[in-house]
Amino acid sequence: MYRVLGPALVLIGLVPASSRADGPKGLDFFEKKIRPVLTEQCGQCHSAEAEAKKKLKGGLRLDTRDGLRKGGDSGPAVVPGKPADSLLIQAIKYDGDTRMP
């Protein structure tokens, strides 16, 4: 899974903070580059649909920007500008104890 998801998520950390702002560029980047990968790879366990079916894992929603920022039971999923500190990146890279299937 890291081959598909990892590079897209690493882009979060490579984009300057001004591009990630709540403006049109940041939203466009998220909608075109990040959301499709998260939906395809993570949606079964980390989405509104999973929550509605009582199958949400770790209290983590990855289908919205707010869900990424808020994180789940383990804390925030991403740390803007610091991909190495982001739990989501660690999970997909199988670093430490955090692992995604």
C-alpha atoms as a PDB file:
ATOM      1  CA  MET A   1       0.000   0.000   0.000  1.00  0.00           C
ATOM      2  CA  TYR A   2       2.876   2.416   0.735  1.00  0.00           C
ATOM      3  CA  ARG A   3       3.831   2.469  -2.954  1.00  0.00           C
ATOM      4  CA  VAL A   4       0.502   4.095  -3.771  1.00  0.00           C
ATOM      5  CA  LEU A   5      -0.364   6.058  -0.666  1.00  0.00           C
ATOM      6  CA  GLY A   6       3.050   7.114   0.580  1.00  0.00           C
ATOM      7  CA  PRO A   7       4.160   9.371  -2.259  1.00  0.00           C
ATOM      8  CA  ALA A   8       0.850  11.212  -2.308  1.00  0.00           C
ATOM      9  CA  LEU A   9       0.950  11.842   1.420  1.00  0.00           C
ATOM     10  CA  VAL A  10       4.576  12.914   1.396  1.00  0.00           C
ATOM     11  CA  LEU A  11       3.458  15.680  -0.954  1.00  0.00           C
ATOM     12  CA  ILE A  12       1.600  17.191   1.995  1.00  0.00           C
ATOM     13  CA  GLY A  13       4.929  17.953   3.599  1.00  0.00           C
ATOM     14  CA  LEU A  14       6.573  19.198   0.414  1.00  0.00           C
ATOM     15  CA  VAL A  15       4.006  21.824  -0.460  1.00  0.00           C
ATOM     16  CA  PRO A  16       4.815  25.213   1.078  1.00  0.00           C
ATOM     17  CA  ALA A  17       2.619  26.208   3.998  1.00  0.00           C
ATOM     18  CA  SER A  18       1.045  29.003   1.966  1.00  0.00           C
ATOM     19  CA  SER A  19      -0.255  26.455  -0.545  1.00  0.00           C
ATOM     20  CA  ARG A  20      -1.768  24.362   2.223  1.00  0.00           C
ATOM     21  CA  ALA A  21      -3.674  27.295   3.610  1.00  0.00           C
ATOM     22  CA  ASP A  22      -7.433  27.257   3.479  1.00  0.00           C
ATOM     23  CA  GLY A  23      -7.351  29.123   0.174  1.00  0.00           C
ATOM     24  CA  PRO A  24      -8.253  27.782  -3.272  1.00  0.00           C
ATOM     25  CA  LYS A  25      -4.773  26.389  -4.034  1.00  0.00           C
ATOM     26  CA  GLY A  26      -4.631  24.312  -0.865  1.00  0.00           C
ATOM     27  CA  LEU A  27      -8.147  23.013  -1.327  1.00  0.00           C
ATOM     28  CA  ASP A  28      -7.528  22.201  -4.989  1.00  0.00           C
ATOM     29  CA  PHE A  29      -4.343  20.295  -4.104  1.00  0.00           C
ATOM     30  CA  PHE A  30      -6.152  18.279  -1.431  1.00  0.00           C
ATOM     31  CA  GLU A  31      -9.134  17.484  -3.650  1.00  0.00           C
ATOM     32  CA  LYS A  32      -7.063  16.438  -6.684  1.00  0.00           C
ATOM     33  CA  LYS A  33      -4.020  14.777  -5.147  1.00  0.00           C
ATOM     34  CA  ILE A  34      -4.784  13.640  -1.618  1.00  0.00           C
ATOM     35  CA  ARG A  35      -8.488  12.851  -1.226  1.00  0.00           C
ATOM     36  CA  PRO A  36      -8.673  10.323  -4.119  1.00  0.00           C
ATOM     37  CA  VAL A  37      -5.818   8.271  -2.668  1.00  0.00           C
ATOM     38  CA  LEU A  38      -7.211   8.394   0.859  1.00  0.00           C
ATOM     39  CA  THR A  39     -10.676   7.446  -0.377  1.00  0.00           C
ATOM     40  CA  GLU A  40      -9.426   4.488  -2.388  1.00  0.00           C
ATOM     41  CA  GLN A  41      -6.875   3.160   0.086  1.00  0.00           C
ATOM     42  CA  CYS A  42      -8.329   4.119   3.474  1.00  0.00           C
ATOM     43  CA  GLY A  43     -12.048   4.778   3.044  1.00  0.00           C
ATOM     44  CA  GLN A  44     -13.224   1.327   4.035  1.00  0.00           C
ATOM     45  CA  CYS A  45     -12.069   1.876   7.634  1.00  0.00           C
ATOM     46  CA  HIS A  46     -11.652   5.658   7.987  1.00  0.00           C
ATOM     47  CA  SER A  47     -14.648   7.428   6.417  1.00  0.00           C
ATOM     48  CA  ALA A  48     -18.163   8.648   7.114  1.00  0.00           C
ATOM     49  CA  GLU A  49     -19.422   5.446   5.518  1.00  0.00           C
ATOM     50  CA  ALA A  50     -17.323   3.329   7.890  1.00  0.00           C
ATOM     51  CA  GLU A  51     -18.542   5.406  10.826  1.00  0.00           C
ATOM     52  CA  ALA A  52     -22.185   4.979   9.776  1.00  0.00           C
ATOM     53  CA  LYS A  53     -21.680   1.208   9.601  1.00  0.00           C
ATOM     54  CA  LYS A  54     -19.998   1.239  13.047  1.00  0.00           C
ATOM     55  CA  LYS A  55     -16.755   0.062  11.411  1.00  0.00           C
ATOM     56  CA  LEU A  56     -14.655   3.186  11.972  1.00  0.00           C
ATOM     57  CA  LYS A  57     -11.148   2.185  13.080  1.00  0.00           C
ATOM     58  CA  GLY A  58      -9.208   4.148  15.678  1.00  0.00           C
ATOM     59  CA  GLY A  59     -11.711   6.998  15.732  1.00  0.00           C
ATOM     60  CA  LEU A  60      -9.956   8.299  12.618  1.00  0.00           C
ATOM     61  CA  ARG A  61     -11.714   9.896   9.661  1.00  0.00           C
ATOM     62  CA  LEU A  62      -9.507  10.438   6.612  1.00  0.00           C
ATOM     63  CA  ASP A  63     -12.219  11.493   4.190  1.00  0.00           C
ATOM     64  CA  THR A  64     -12.128  15.166   5.175  1.00  0.00           C
ATOM     65  CA  ARG A  65      -9.433  17.714   5.777  1.00  0.00           C
ATOM     66  CA  ASP A  66     -10.800  18.310   9.273  1.00  0.00           C
ATOM     67  CA  GLY A  67     -10.601  14.590   9.950  1.00  0.00           C
ATOM     68  CA  LEU A  68      -6.939  14.560   8.966  1.00  0.00           C
ATOM     69  CA  ARG A  69      -6.205  17.530  11.200  1.00  0.00           C
ATOM     70  CA  LYS A  70      -8.174  16.227  14.174  1.00  0.00           C
ATOM     71  CA  GLY A  71      -6.851  12.700  13.913  1.00  0.00           C
ATOM     72  CA  GLY A  72      -8.146   9.799  15.919  1.00  0.00           C
ATOM     73  CA  ASP A  73      -7.551   7.936  19.147  1.00  0.00           C
ATOM     74  CA  SER A  74      -3.756   8.252  18.744  1.00  0.00           C
ATOM     75  CA  GLY A  75      -3.747  11.984  18.028  1.00  0.00           C
ATOM     76  CA  PRO A  76      -3.500  14.135  14.895  1.00  0.00           C
ATOM     77  CA  ALA A  77      -3.019  12.130  11.696  1.00  0.00           C
ATOM     78  CA  VAL A  78      -0.790  14.711  10.018  1.00  0.00           C
ATOM     79  CA  VAL A  79       1.554  17.444  11.169  1.00  0.00           C
ATOM     80  CA  PRO A  80       1.537  20.105   8.426  1.00  0.00           C
ATOM     81  CA  GLY A  81       5.013  20.702   7.064  1.00  0.00           C
ATOM     82  CA  LYS A  82       6.484  17.823   9.096  1.00  0.00           C
ATOM     83  CA  PRO A  83       5.694  14.539   7.337  1.00  0.00           C
ATOM     84  CA  ALA A  84       8.193  12.596   9.471  1.00  0.00           C
ATOM     85  CA  ASP A  85       6.202  13.588  12.578  1.00  0.00           C
ATOM     86  CA  SER A  86       2.843  12.625  11.052  1.00  0.00           C
ATOM     87  CA  LEU A  87       1.244   9.458  12.413  1.00  0.00           C
ATOM     88  CA  LEU A  88      -0.345   8.754   9.043  1.00  0.00           C
ATOM     89  CA  ILE A  89       3.039   8.722   7.304  1.00  0.00           C
ATOM     90  CA  GLN A  90       4.515   6.524  10.045  1.00  0.00           C
ATOM     91  CA  ALA A  91       1.601   4.105   9.759  1.00  0.00           C
ATOM     92  CA  ILE A  92       1.863   3.620   6.015  1.00  0.00           C
ATOM     93  CA  LYS A  93       5.646   3.304   6.206  1.00  0.00           C
ATOM     94  CA  TYR A  94       5.367   0.795   9.073  1.00  0.00           C
ATOM     95  CA  ASP A  95       7.666   2.924  11.269  1.00  0.00           C
ATOM     96  CA  GLY A  96       7.501   2.133  14.960  1.00  0.00           C
ATOM     97  CA  ASP A  97       4.417   0.506  16.425  1.00  0.00           C
ATOM     98  CA  THR A  98       1.854   2.262  14.217  1.00  0.00           C
ATOM     99  CA  ARG A  99       0.800   0.173  11.216  1.00  0.00           C
ATOM    100  CA  MET A 100      -1.964   0.354   8.639  1.00  0.00           C
ATOM    101  CA  PRO A 101      -3.091  -2.794   6.851  1.00  0.00           C
END
